[in-house]
Amino acid sequence: MNRTMRGFTLIEMAVALAVMAALVGVGIQALRVQTQRAFAAEARFAMEEARTALFGFAAVNSRLPCPDSDGDGLENLTAGVCDVFSDATKPRWLPYHDLGLALPPGESLPNRPDWLRYTVSGSFAVAANLKTTTPGEIDVNDHTSTIVPKTTVAFALWWLGDDKEDTTSSAVDAKQVYVSTADHPGDDTVTWVSRYVLLGKMIDAGWSPPP
């Protein structure tokens, strides 16, 4: 018996290609969502580890560290004043080595996109100034107004998002950080710590506030 063999028509091929494209698109979107979730989980873990280390540093040294502004993992200060306060254009990296934390990858990259950013209220970086009455100085801003009273914020941390662009720091004021809004979008993960939380952690650890 002879059977007639025929190929696909152009319409059938177009439909098959359309189905394949849709499946690939769904797969790419699912992978993107999974990657974003993994990235967010990594950011949360890193920021929580940094918070804990900063609490410990403060309890031991009666102050918070200054930001690392030259990328060596160590805080940078001159005559007891954080270097970033005299030049707000300097980077504000977490001082990983001072906190006993491993440096993230990307150490050789100029922007160090995978490093946590960090800034601190200046008085909290000087042991002699840190008392229960010491006010915070960090302005957490939505580009329009301050979100929380800056007198209550001891320090802030942020992690650059997928675009690796720093949309959080201010180039004119090292004690100001911006959160994303619809009018000023960004994908950085930002958190800050109340001075009351910090002081409470320090007191629980045995710190005695100076009179």
N, C-alpha and C. Protein backbone atom coordinates (compact mmCIF):
# COMPACT_ATOMS: atom_id res chain seq x y z
N MET A 1 0.86 -1.20 0.00
CA MET A 1 0.00 0.00 0.00
C MET A 1 0.89 1.24 0.00
N ASN A 2 0.59 2.12 -0.89
CA ASN A 2 1.35 3.37 -0.98
C ASN A 2 0.74 4.43 -0.07
N ARG A 3 1.59 5.07 0.66
CA ARG A 3 1.13 6.17 1.51
C ARG A 3 1.73 7.49 1.03
N THR A 4 0.92 8.48 1.03
CA THR A 4 1.39 9.79 0.58
C THR A 4 1.97 10.55 1.76
N MET A 5 3.21 10.95 1.64
CA MET A 5 3.88 11.72 2.68
C MET A 5 3.79 13.20 2.36
N ARG A 6 3.45 13.97 3.33
CA ARG A 6 3.39 15.40 3.07
C ARG A 6 4.10 16.15 4.18
N GLY A 7 4.60 17.32 3.89
CA GLY A 7 5.27 18.15 4.89
C GLY A 7 4.28 19.06 5.59
N PHE A 8 4.83 19.91 6.47
CA PHE A 8 3.99 20.88 7.17
C PHE A 8 3.65 22.03 6.24
N THR A 9 2.46 22.54 6.38
CA THR A 9 2.11 23.74 5.64
C THR A 9 2.73 24.95 6.34
N LEU A 10 2.76 26.07 5.66
CA LEU A 10 3.30 27.28 6.27
C LEU A 10 2.51 27.69 7.50
N ILE A 11 1.20 27.49 7.47
CA ILE A 11 0.37 27.85 8.62
C ILE A 11 0.71 26.98 9.81
N GLU A 12 0.88 25.67 9.56
CA GLU A 12 1.22 24.75 10.64
C GLU A 12 2.58 25.09 11.25
N MET A 13 3.53 25.44 10.39
CA MET A 13 4.86 25.81 10.89
C MET A 13 4.80 27.10 11.71
N ALA A 14 3.99 28.05 11.25
CA ALA A 14 3.86 29.31 11.97
C ALA A 14 3.25 29.08 13.35
N VAL A 15 2.23 28.22 13.40
CA VAL A 15 1.60 27.91 14.68
C VAL A 15 2.58 27.23 15.62
N ALA A 16 3.35 26.28 15.09
CA ALA A 16 4.33 25.57 15.91
C ALA A 16 5.39 26.51 16.45
N LEU A 17 5.87 27.42 15.61
CA LEU A 17 6.87 28.38 16.05
C LEU A 17 6.30 29.33 17.10
N ALA A 18 5.04 29.71 16.93
CA ALA A 18 4.41 30.60 17.90
C ALA A 18 4.28 29.92 19.27
N VAL A 19 3.91 28.63 19.24
CA VAL A 19 3.79 27.88 20.49
C VAL A 19 5.16 27.76 21.16
N MET A 20 6.19 27.46 20.37
CA MET A 20 7.54 27.33 20.91
C MET A 20 8.01 28.66 21.51
N ALA A 21 7.74 29.76 20.82
CA ALA A 21 8.15 31.08 21.32
C ALA A 21 7.45 31.39 22.64
N ALA A 22 6.15 31.02 22.72
CA ALA A 22 5.41 31.27 23.96
C ALA A 22 5.99 30.47 25.11
N LEU A 23 6.33 29.22 24.85
CA LEU A 23 6.90 28.37 25.89
C LEU A 23 8.25 28.89 26.36
N VAL A 24 9.07 29.35 25.40
CA VAL A 24 10.37 29.92 25.76
C VAL A 24 10.19 31.18 26.59
N GLY A 25 9.21 32.01 26.19
CA GLY A 25 8.95 33.23 26.94
C GLY A 25 8.53 32.95 28.37
N VAL A 26 7.65 31.96 28.55
CA VAL A 26 7.21 31.58 29.88
C VAL A 26 8.38 31.07 30.71
N GLY A 27 9.24 30.27 30.07
CA GLY A 27 10.41 29.73 30.77
C GLY A 27 11.37 30.83 31.20
N ILE A 28 11.60 31.80 30.33
CA ILE A 28 12.51 32.91 30.66
C ILE A 28 11.94 33.74 31.80
N GLN A 29 10.62 34.00 31.75
CA GLN A 29 9.99 34.79 32.81
C GLN A 29 10.07 34.06 34.15
N ALA A 30 9.84 32.74 34.12
CA ALA A 30 9.91 31.96 35.36
C ALA A 30 11.33 31.99 35.93
N LEU A 31 12.32 31.89 35.03
CA LEU A 31 13.71 31.94 35.47
C LEU A 31 14.05 33.31 36.05
N ARG A 32 13.53 34.37 35.43
CA ARG A 32 13.78 35.71 35.94
C ARG A 32 13.19 35.89 37.33
N VAL A 33 11.96 35.42 37.52
CA VAL A 33 11.31 35.52 38.83
C VAL A 33 12.09 34.74 39.87
N GLN A 34 12.53 33.53 39.50
CA GLN A 34 13.30 32.71 40.44
C GLN A 34 14.62 33.38 40.79
N THR A 35 15.27 33.99 39.80
CA THR A 35 16.54 34.68 40.05
C THR A 35 16.33 35.87 40.97
N GLN A 36 15.26 36.62 40.75
CA GLN A 36 14.97 37.78 41.59
C GLN A 36 14.68 37.36 43.03
N ARG A 37 13.98 36.24 43.19
CA ARG A 37 13.69 35.76 44.54
C ARG A 37 14.97 35.33 45.25
N ALA A 38 15.84 34.65 44.51
CA ALA A 38 17.11 34.22 45.10
C ALA A 38 17.96 35.43 45.47
N PHE A 39 17.94 36.44 44.60
CA PHE A 39 18.71 37.66 44.87
C PHE A 39 18.17 38.36 46.11
N ALA A 40 16.83 38.44 46.22
CA ALA A 40 16.23 39.10 47.37
C ALA A 40 16.55 38.36 48.66
N ALA A 41 16.54 37.03 48.60
CA ALA A 41 16.86 36.23 49.78
C ALA A 41 18.32 36.45 50.19
N GLU A 42 19.21 36.51 49.20
CA GLU A 42 20.63 36.75 49.49
C GLU A 42 20.82 38.13 50.11
N ALA A 43 20.10 39.12 49.59
CA ALA A 43 20.21 40.48 50.12
C ALA A 43 19.72 40.53 51.57
N ARG A 44 18.59 39.87 51.84
CA ARG A 44 18.06 39.87 53.21
C ARG A 44 19.04 39.22 54.18
N PHE A 45 19.64 38.09 53.77
CA PHE A 45 20.59 37.40 54.64
C PHE A 45 21.81 38.29 54.90
N ALA A 46 22.36 38.89 53.84
CA ALA A 46 23.55 39.72 53.98
C ALA A 46 23.29 40.93 54.87
N MET A 47 22.11 41.54 54.71
CA MET A 47 21.80 42.71 55.50
C MET A 47 21.55 42.36 56.96
N GLU A 48 20.93 41.22 57.21
CA GLU A 48 20.70 40.80 58.58
C GLU A 48 22.02 40.46 59.27
N GLU A 49 22.93 39.81 58.52
CA GLU A 49 24.26 39.50 59.07
C GLU A 49 25.01 40.79 59.38
N ALA A 50 24.91 41.77 58.50
CA ALA A 50 25.58 43.05 58.72
C ALA A 50 25.00 43.77 59.93
N ARG A 51 23.68 43.76 60.07
CA ARG A 51 23.03 44.39 61.24
C ARG A 51 23.55 43.78 62.53
N THR A 52 23.59 42.44 62.56
CA THR A 52 24.05 41.75 63.77
C THR A 52 25.49 42.12 64.09
N ALA A 53 26.34 42.16 63.04
CA ALA A 53 27.75 42.51 63.25
C ALA A 53 27.90 43.95 63.72
N LEU A 54 27.09 44.85 63.19
CA LEU A 54 27.15 46.24 63.62
C LEU A 54 26.70 46.39 65.07
N PHE A 55 25.68 45.65 65.47
CA PHE A 55 25.26 45.67 66.88
C PHE A 55 26.41 45.20 67.78
N GLY A 56 27.07 44.11 67.36
CA GLY A 56 28.18 43.59 68.15
C GLY A 56 29.34 44.56 68.22
N PHE A 57 29.68 45.17 67.10
CA PHE A 57 30.77 46.15 67.06
C PHE A 57 30.47 47.30 68.02
N ALA A 58 29.24 47.78 67.99
CA ALA A 58 28.86 48.91 68.84
C ALA A 58 28.93 48.53 70.32
N ALA A 59 28.51 47.30 70.64
CA ALA A 59 28.54 46.88 72.04
C ALA A 59 29.97 46.77 72.56
N VAL A 60 30.89 46.33 71.70
CA VAL A 60 32.28 46.15 72.11
C VAL A 60 33.04 47.48 72.14
N ASN A 61 32.78 48.33 71.15
CA ASN A 61 33.57 49.55 70.98
C ASN A 61 32.87 50.83 71.43
N SER A 62 31.65 50.70 71.90
CA SER A 62 30.85 51.85 72.36
C SER A 62 30.62 52.87 71.25
N ARG A 63 30.61 52.40 70.03
CA ARG A 63 30.34 53.27 68.88
C ARG A 63 30.11 52.39 67.65
N LEU A 64 29.63 52.99 66.59
CA LEU A 64 29.51 52.32 65.30
C LEU A 64 30.72 52.64 64.44
N PRO A 65 31.07 51.77 63.49
CA PRO A 65 32.19 52.10 62.61
C PRO A 65 31.80 53.13 61.56
N CYS A 66 32.81 53.79 61.01
CA CYS A 66 32.59 54.67 59.86
C CYS A 66 32.50 53.81 58.60
N PRO A 67 31.94 54.35 57.53
CA PRO A 67 31.93 53.61 56.27
C PRO A 67 33.34 53.42 55.71
N ASP A 68 33.50 52.40 54.90
CA ASP A 68 34.73 52.16 54.15
C ASP A 68 34.63 52.96 52.86
N SER A 69 35.50 53.92 52.67
CA SER A 69 35.41 54.78 51.48
C SER A 69 36.51 54.52 50.46
N ASP A 70 37.42 53.57 50.73
CA ASP A 70 38.48 53.28 49.75
C ASP A 70 38.53 51.82 49.33
N GLY A 71 37.58 51.01 49.80
CA GLY A 71 37.47 49.64 49.31
C GLY A 71 38.44 48.64 49.89
N ASP A 72 39.03 48.95 51.07
CA ASP A 72 39.96 47.98 51.67
C ASP A 72 39.29 47.16 52.77
N GLY A 73 37.99 47.36 52.96
CA GLY A 73 37.27 46.61 53.98
C GLY A 73 37.37 47.20 55.37
N LEU A 74 38.05 48.34 55.51
CA LEU A 74 38.25 48.98 56.81
C LEU A 74 37.58 50.35 56.83
N GLU A 75 37.14 50.76 58.01
CA GLU A 75 36.51 52.08 58.12
C GLU A 75 37.53 53.18 57.84
N ASN A 76 37.04 54.30 57.35
CA ASN A 76 37.91 55.44 57.06
C ASN A 76 37.45 56.65 57.87
N LEU A 77 38.34 57.11 58.76
CA LEU A 77 38.05 58.30 59.55
C LEU A 77 39.34 59.07 59.79
N THR A 78 39.20 60.35 59.94
CA THR A 78 40.33 61.24 60.20
C THR A 78 39.99 62.11 61.40
N ALA A 79 40.85 62.08 62.40
CA ALA A 79 40.64 62.86 63.63
C ALA A 79 39.27 62.60 64.22
N GLY A 80 38.84 61.33 64.18
CA GLY A 80 37.58 60.95 64.79
C GLY A 80 36.34 61.27 63.99
N VAL A 81 36.52 61.73 62.74
CA VAL A 81 35.39 62.07 61.90
C VAL A 81 35.41 61.19 60.64
N CYS A 82 34.27 60.59 60.33
CA CYS A 82 34.19 59.73 59.13
C CYS A 82 34.53 60.54 57.89
N ASP A 83 35.39 59.97 57.03
CA ASP A 83 35.84 60.68 55.83
C ASP A 83 34.69 61.07 54.91
N VAL A 84 33.64 60.24 54.85
CA VAL A 84 32.53 60.55 53.93
C VAL A 84 31.80 61.82 54.31
N PHE A 85 31.95 62.27 55.56
CA PHE A 85 31.25 63.48 55.97
C PHE A 85 31.94 64.74 55.47
N SER A 86 33.22 64.60 55.09
CA SER A 86 33.93 65.75 54.52
C SER A 86 33.90 65.71 52.99
N ASP A 87 33.50 64.57 52.42
CA ASP A 87 33.39 64.44 50.97
C ASP A 87 32.30 63.42 50.66
N ALA A 88 31.11 63.91 50.42
CA ALA A 88 29.95 63.04 50.22
C ALA A 88 29.99 62.28 48.90
N THR A 89 30.93 62.60 48.03
CA THR A 89 31.04 61.87 46.77
C THR A 89 31.79 60.54 46.95
N LYS A 90 32.41 60.35 48.11
CA LYS A 90 33.15 59.10 48.34
C LYS A 90 32.18 57.94 48.52
N PRO A 91 32.62 56.73 48.14
CA PRO A 91 31.77 55.55 48.32
C PRO A 91 31.47 55.32 49.80
N ARG A 92 30.37 54.65 50.07
CA ARG A 92 29.98 54.31 51.44
C ARG A 92 29.76 52.81 51.53
N TRP A 93 30.86 52.07 51.62
CA TRP A 93 30.75 50.61 51.71
C TRP A 93 30.75 50.18 53.16
N LEU A 94 30.18 49.03 53.41
CA LEU A 94 30.24 48.44 54.75
C LEU A 94 31.70 48.05 55.04
N PRO A 95 32.24 48.37 56.22
CA PRO A 95 33.63 47.99 56.54
C PRO A 95 33.72 46.51 56.95
N TYR A 96 33.71 45.65 55.95
CA TYR A 96 33.62 44.21 56.19
C TYR A 96 34.69 43.68 57.14
N HIS A 97 35.94 44.06 56.91
CA HIS A 97 37.04 43.53 57.73
C HIS A 97 36.89 43.94 59.19
N ASP A 98 36.51 45.19 59.42
CA ASP A 98 36.34 45.65 60.80
C ASP A 98 35.25 44.87 61.52
N LEU A 99 34.29 44.36 60.76
CA LEU A 99 33.17 43.63 61.35
C LEU A 99 33.40 42.13 61.36
N GLY A 100 34.57 41.70 60.84
CA GLY A 100 34.86 40.27 60.80
C GLY A 100 34.07 39.51 59.77
N LEU A 101 33.61 40.19 58.73
CA LEU A 101 32.82 39.57 57.67
C LEU A 101 33.67 39.37 56.43
N ALA A 102 33.37 38.32 55.68
CA ALA A 102 34.10 38.05 54.44
C ALA A 102 33.70 39.06 53.37
N LEU A 103 34.69 39.47 52.59
CA LEU A 103 34.40 40.40 51.49
C LEU A 103 33.58 39.69 50.42
N PRO A 104 32.55 40.35 49.89
CA PRO A 104 31.78 39.77 48.80
C PRO A 104 32.63 39.72 47.52
N PRO A 105 32.16 39.02 46.49
CA PRO A 105 32.89 39.03 45.22
C PRO A 105 32.88 40.41 44.58
N GLY A 106 33.70 40.59 43.57
CA GLY A 106 33.72 41.86 42.85
C GLY A 106 34.67 42.87 43.45
N GLU A 107 35.65 42.38 44.24
CA GLU A 107 36.58 43.30 44.90
C GLU A 107 37.39 44.11 43.90
N SER A 108 37.63 43.54 42.71
CA SER A 108 38.46 44.23 41.72
C SER A 108 37.65 45.20 40.87
N LEU A 109 36.32 45.17 40.99
CA LEU A 109 35.48 46.06 40.18
C LEU A 109 35.42 47.44 40.83
N PRO A 110 35.55 48.49 40.04
CA PRO A 110 35.58 49.85 40.61
C PRO A 110 34.37 50.17 41.48
N ASN A 111 33.19 49.75 41.04
CA ASN A 111 31.97 50.10 41.77
C ASN A 111 31.63 49.09 42.86
N ARG A 112 32.31 47.93 42.86
CA ARG A 112 32.02 46.86 43.82
C ARG A 112 30.50 46.68 43.97
N PRO A 113 29.82 46.28 42.89
CA PRO A 113 28.36 46.26 42.88
C PRO A 113 27.72 45.31 43.88
N ASP A 114 28.44 44.28 44.33
CA ASP A 114 27.86 43.31 45.26
C ASP A 114 28.15 43.62 46.73
N TRP A 115 28.79 44.75 46.98
CA TRP A 115 29.10 45.14 48.36
C TRP A 115 27.94 45.93 48.96
N LEU A 116 27.64 45.66 50.22
CA LEU A 116 26.63 46.45 50.91
C LEU A 116 27.10 47.88 51.08
N ARG A 117 26.18 48.81 50.93
CA ARG A 117 26.44 50.22 51.22
C ARG A 117 25.98 50.52 52.65
N TYR A 118 26.62 51.52 53.26
CA TYR A 118 26.35 51.78 54.68
C TYR A 118 26.66 53.23 55.00
N THR A 119 25.82 53.83 55.81
CA THR A 119 26.14 55.15 56.35
C THR A 119 25.66 55.22 57.79
N VAL A 120 26.23 56.14 58.54
CA VAL A 120 26.02 56.18 59.98
C VAL A 120 25.81 57.62 60.45
N SER A 121 25.03 57.78 61.49
CA SER A 121 24.94 59.10 62.13
C SER A 121 26.29 59.41 62.76
N GLY A 122 26.84 60.59 62.45
CA GLY A 122 28.21 60.91 62.86
C GLY A 122 28.49 60.75 64.34
N SER A 123 27.55 61.18 65.18
CA SER A 123 27.78 61.10 66.62
C SER A 123 27.84 59.66 67.12
N PHE A 124 27.23 58.75 66.38
CA PHE A 124 27.24 57.35 66.78
C PHE A 124 28.56 56.67 66.42
N ALA A 125 29.41 57.35 65.68
CA ALA A 125 30.72 56.80 65.31
C ALA A 125 31.83 57.30 66.23
N VAL A 126 31.46 58.06 67.26
CA VAL A 126 32.44 58.59 68.22
C VAL A 126 32.03 58.12 69.61
N ALA A 127 32.88 57.28 70.24
CA ALA A 127 32.52 56.68 71.53
C ALA A 127 32.20 57.72 72.58
N ALA A 128 32.95 58.80 72.60
CA ALA A 128 32.75 59.82 73.64
C ALA A 128 31.40 60.53 73.48
N ASN A 129 30.85 60.48 72.27
CA ASN A 129 29.59 61.19 72.01
C ASN A 129 28.36 60.32 72.17
N LEU A 130 28.55 59.01 72.22
CA LEU A 130 27.42 58.10 72.20
C LEU A 130 26.81 57.94 73.59
N LYS A 131 25.64 58.51 73.77
CA LYS A 131 24.89 58.41 75.01
C LYS A 131 23.45 58.04 74.68
N THR A 132 22.66 57.76 75.69
CA THR A 132 21.26 57.42 75.44
C THR A 132 20.49 58.60 74.86
N THR A 133 21.01 59.80 75.04
CA THR A 133 20.34 60.99 74.52
C THR A 133 20.88 61.43 73.16
N THR A 134 21.88 60.71 72.63
CA THR A 134 22.47 61.10 71.34
C THR A 134 21.45 60.94 70.23
N PRO A 135 21.17 62.01 69.48
CA PRO A 135 20.18 61.91 68.40
C PRO A 135 20.79 61.33 67.12
N GLY A 136 19.95 60.72 66.33
CA GLY A 136 20.39 60.28 65.01
C GLY A 136 20.47 61.46 64.06
N GLU A 137 21.07 61.23 62.88
CA GLU A 137 21.28 62.33 61.94
C GLU A 137 20.99 61.94 60.50
N ILE A 138 20.46 60.74 60.27
CA ILE A 138 20.28 60.26 58.90
C ILE A 138 18.88 60.58 58.39
N ASP A 139 18.83 61.21 57.24
CA ASP A 139 17.58 61.61 56.60
C ASP A 139 17.18 60.53 55.59
N VAL A 140 16.19 59.69 55.95
CA VAL A 140 15.65 58.69 55.02
C VAL A 140 14.53 59.38 54.26
N ASN A 141 14.74 59.58 52.96
CA ASN A 141 13.91 60.49 52.18
C ASN A 141 13.30 59.80 50.97
N ASP A 142 12.08 60.18 50.62
CA ASP A 142 11.43 59.62 49.42
C ASP A 142 11.51 60.59 48.24
N HIS A 143 12.51 61.45 48.25
CA HIS A 143 12.76 62.46 47.22
C HIS A 143 11.84 63.68 47.38
N THR A 144 10.91 63.59 48.31
CA THR A 144 10.01 64.71 48.56
C THR A 144 10.07 65.16 50.01
N SER A 145 10.07 64.20 50.90
CA SER A 145 10.09 64.53 52.33
C SER A 145 10.73 63.40 53.12
N THR A 146 11.04 63.67 54.37
CA THR A 146 11.63 62.68 55.26
C THR A 146 10.58 61.67 55.70
N ILE A 147 10.92 60.38 55.63
CA ILE A 147 9.96 59.33 55.97
C ILE A 147 9.85 59.14 57.47
N VAL A 148 10.98 59.11 58.15
CA VAL A 148 10.98 58.97 59.62
C VAL A 148 11.84 60.10 60.18
N PRO A 149 11.58 60.53 61.41
CA PRO A 149 12.41 61.60 61.99
C PRO A 149 13.89 61.20 61.96
N LYS A 150 14.71 62.02 61.36
CA LYS A 150 16.11 61.64 61.23
C LYS A 150 16.82 61.55 62.57
N THR A 151 16.26 62.16 63.60
CA THR A 151 16.87 62.06 64.93
C THR A 151 16.75 60.65 65.50
N THR A 152 15.94 59.79 64.85
CA THR A 152 15.74 58.44 65.38
C THR A 152 16.59 57.39 64.66
N VAL A 153 17.29 57.76 63.59
CA VAL A 153 18.00 56.76 62.77
C VAL A 153 19.49 56.72 63.11
N ALA A 154 19.97 55.54 63.51
CA ALA A 154 21.38 55.38 63.87
C ALA A 154 22.24 55.07 62.65
N PHE A 155 21.78 54.15 61.81
CA PHE A 155 22.54 53.82 60.61
C PHE A 155 21.61 53.26 59.55
N ALA A 156 22.09 53.22 58.32
CA ALA A 156 21.32 52.68 57.20
C ALA A 156 22.21 51.77 56.35
N LEU A 157 21.58 50.76 55.78
CA LEU A 157 22.25 49.81 54.88
C LEU A 157 21.45 49.71 53.59
N TRP A 158 22.15 49.51 52.48
CA TRP A 158 21.43 49.24 51.24
C TRP A 158 22.26 48.34 50.33
N TRP A 159 21.53 47.60 49.51
CA TRP A 159 22.10 46.61 48.59
C TRP A 159 21.65 46.99 47.19
N LEU A 160 22.57 47.09 46.26
CA LEU A 160 22.20 47.47 44.90
C LEU A 160 21.37 46.36 44.25
N GLY A 161 20.37 46.75 43.49
CA GLY A 161 19.49 45.80 42.82
C GLY A 161 20.10 45.21 41.57
N ASP A 162 19.24 44.61 40.74
CA ASP A 162 19.70 43.94 39.52
C ASP A 162 20.45 44.87 38.58
N ASP A 163 20.04 46.14 38.56
CA ASP A 163 20.68 47.06 37.63
C ASP A 163 22.05 47.55 38.12
N LYS A 164 22.38 47.22 39.38
CA LYS A 164 23.69 47.58 39.97
C LYS A 164 23.94 49.08 39.97
N GLU A 165 22.86 49.86 39.93
CA GLU A 165 22.97 51.31 40.00
C GLU A 165 22.59 51.77 41.41
N ASP A 166 23.40 52.63 41.99
CA ASP A 166 23.12 53.12 43.33
C ASP A 166 22.13 54.29 43.25
N THR A 167 20.86 54.00 43.53
CA THR A 167 19.83 55.04 43.51
C THR A 167 19.48 55.50 44.92
N THR A 168 20.25 55.05 45.90
CA THR A 168 19.94 55.32 47.30
C THR A 168 20.77 56.44 47.90
N SER A 169 22.08 56.46 47.60
CA SER A 169 22.95 57.44 48.24
C SER A 169 22.82 58.82 47.62
N SER A 170 23.17 59.80 48.42
CA SER A 170 23.17 61.19 47.96
C SER A 170 24.61 61.63 47.71
N ALA A 171 24.83 62.36 46.62
CA ALA A 171 26.17 62.83 46.29
C ALA A 171 26.52 64.14 46.99
N VAL A 172 25.57 64.67 47.75
CA VAL A 172 25.82 65.95 48.41
C VAL A 172 25.72 65.85 49.93
N ASP A 173 25.16 64.76 50.43
CA ASP A 173 25.00 64.62 51.88
C ASP A 173 25.13 63.15 52.25
N ALA A 174 26.22 62.79 52.93
CA ALA A 174 26.48 61.39 53.29
C ALA A 174 25.50 60.88 54.34
N LYS A 175 24.73 61.76 54.95
CA LYS A 175 23.76 61.33 55.96
C LYS A 175 22.35 61.30 55.40
N GLN A 176 22.23 61.27 54.08
CA GLN A 176 20.92 61.22 53.44
C GLN A 176 20.85 59.99 52.55
N VAL A 177 19.75 59.24 52.64
CA VAL A 177 19.52 58.09 51.76
C VAL A 177 18.12 58.22 51.17
N TYR A 178 17.98 57.75 49.95
CA TYR A 178 16.70 57.85 49.25
C TYR A 178 16.08 56.46 49.06
N VAL A 179 14.77 56.37 49.24
CA VAL A 179 14.05 55.14 48.92
C VAL A 179 13.33 55.35 47.59
N SER A 180 13.06 54.26 46.92
CA SER A 180 12.44 54.34 45.59
C SER A 180 10.95 54.66 45.70
N THR A 181 10.47 55.40 44.72
CA THR A 181 9.05 55.72 44.61
C THR A 181 8.65 55.56 43.15
N ALA A 182 7.36 55.70 42.89
CA ALA A 182 6.88 55.58 41.51
C ALA A 182 7.51 56.65 40.63
N ASP A 183 7.70 57.84 41.17
CA ASP A 183 8.29 58.93 40.40
C ASP A 183 9.82 58.83 40.34
N HIS A 184 10.40 58.12 41.28
CA HIS A 184 11.85 57.93 41.32
C HIS A 184 12.15 56.44 41.52
N PRO A 185 11.94 55.64 40.46
CA PRO A 185 12.08 54.19 40.60
C PRO A 185 13.52 53.74 40.80
N GLY A 186 13.66 52.60 41.44
CA GLY A 186 14.96 51.98 41.66
C GLY A 186 14.72 50.61 42.27
N ASP A 187 15.73 49.75 42.24
CA ASP A 187 15.52 48.41 42.79
C ASP A 187 16.50 48.08 43.91
N ASP A 188 17.05 49.12 44.55
CA ASP A 188 17.92 48.88 45.70
C ASP A 188 17.07 48.40 46.89
N THR A 189 17.68 47.55 47.72
CA THR A 189 17.05 47.11 48.96
C THR A 189 17.62 47.97 50.09
N VAL A 190 16.75 48.71 50.77
CA VAL A 190 17.19 49.67 51.78
C VAL A 190 16.60 49.33 53.14
N THR A 191 17.41 49.44 54.17
CA THR A 191 16.91 49.28 55.53
C THR A 191 17.65 50.26 56.44
N TRP A 192 17.05 50.60 57.55
CA TRP A 192 17.70 51.47 58.51
C TRP A 192 17.34 50.99 59.91
N VAL A 193 18.15 51.40 60.89
CA VAL A 193 17.96 50.95 62.26
C VAL A 193 17.76 52.15 63.18
N SER A 194 16.74 52.07 63.98
CA SER A 194 16.44 53.11 64.95
C SER A 194 17.53 53.17 66.02
N ARG A 195 17.80 54.36 66.49
CA ARG A 195 18.79 54.50 67.56
C ARG A 195 18.31 53.78 68.82
N TYR A 196 17.01 53.69 69.01
CA TYR A 196 16.48 53.01 70.18
C TYR A 196 16.75 51.50 70.11
N VAL A 197 16.64 50.95 68.93
CA VAL A 197 16.95 49.52 68.74
C VAL A 197 18.43 49.28 69.00
N LEU A 198 19.28 50.14 68.42
CA LEU A 198 20.73 49.99 68.62
C LEU A 198 21.10 50.11 70.10
N LEU A 199 20.64 51.15 70.76
CA LEU A 199 20.98 51.36 72.16
C LEU A 199 20.44 50.22 73.03
N GLY A 200 19.26 49.72 72.69
CA GLY A 200 18.70 48.60 73.44
C GLY A 200 19.56 47.36 73.30
N LYS A 201 20.05 47.08 72.09
CA LYS A 201 20.93 45.94 71.86
C LYS A 201 22.24 46.10 72.63
N MET A 202 22.78 47.31 72.63
CA MET A 202 24.03 47.56 73.34
C MET A 202 23.87 47.38 74.85
N ILE A 203 22.78 47.90 75.40
CA ILE A 203 22.54 47.77 76.83
C ILE A 203 22.33 46.30 77.21
N ASP A 204 21.59 45.57 76.37
CA ASP A 204 21.40 44.13 76.63
C ASP A 204 22.71 43.38 76.64
N ALA A 205 23.69 43.88 75.84
CA ALA A 205 24.99 43.22 75.76
C ALA A 205 25.93 43.65 76.89
N GLY A 206 25.47 44.55 77.77
CA GLY A 206 26.28 44.96 78.91
C GLY A 206 26.90 46.33 78.82
N TRP A 207 26.55 47.09 77.74
CA TRP A 207 27.10 48.44 77.61
C TRP A 207 26.49 49.37 78.66
N SER A 208 27.32 50.15 79.29
CA SER A 208 26.87 51.12 80.29
C SER A 208 26.95 52.51 79.68
N PRO A 209 25.84 53.17 79.46
CA PRO A 209 25.85 54.51 78.87
C PRO A 209 26.61 55.49 79.76
N PRO A 210 27.43 56.35 79.17
CA PRO A 210 28.13 57.37 79.98
C PRO A 210 27.11 58.39 80.48
N PRO A 211 27.42 59.04 81.59
CA PRO A 211 26.47 60.02 82.14
C PRO A 211 26.37 61.25 81.24
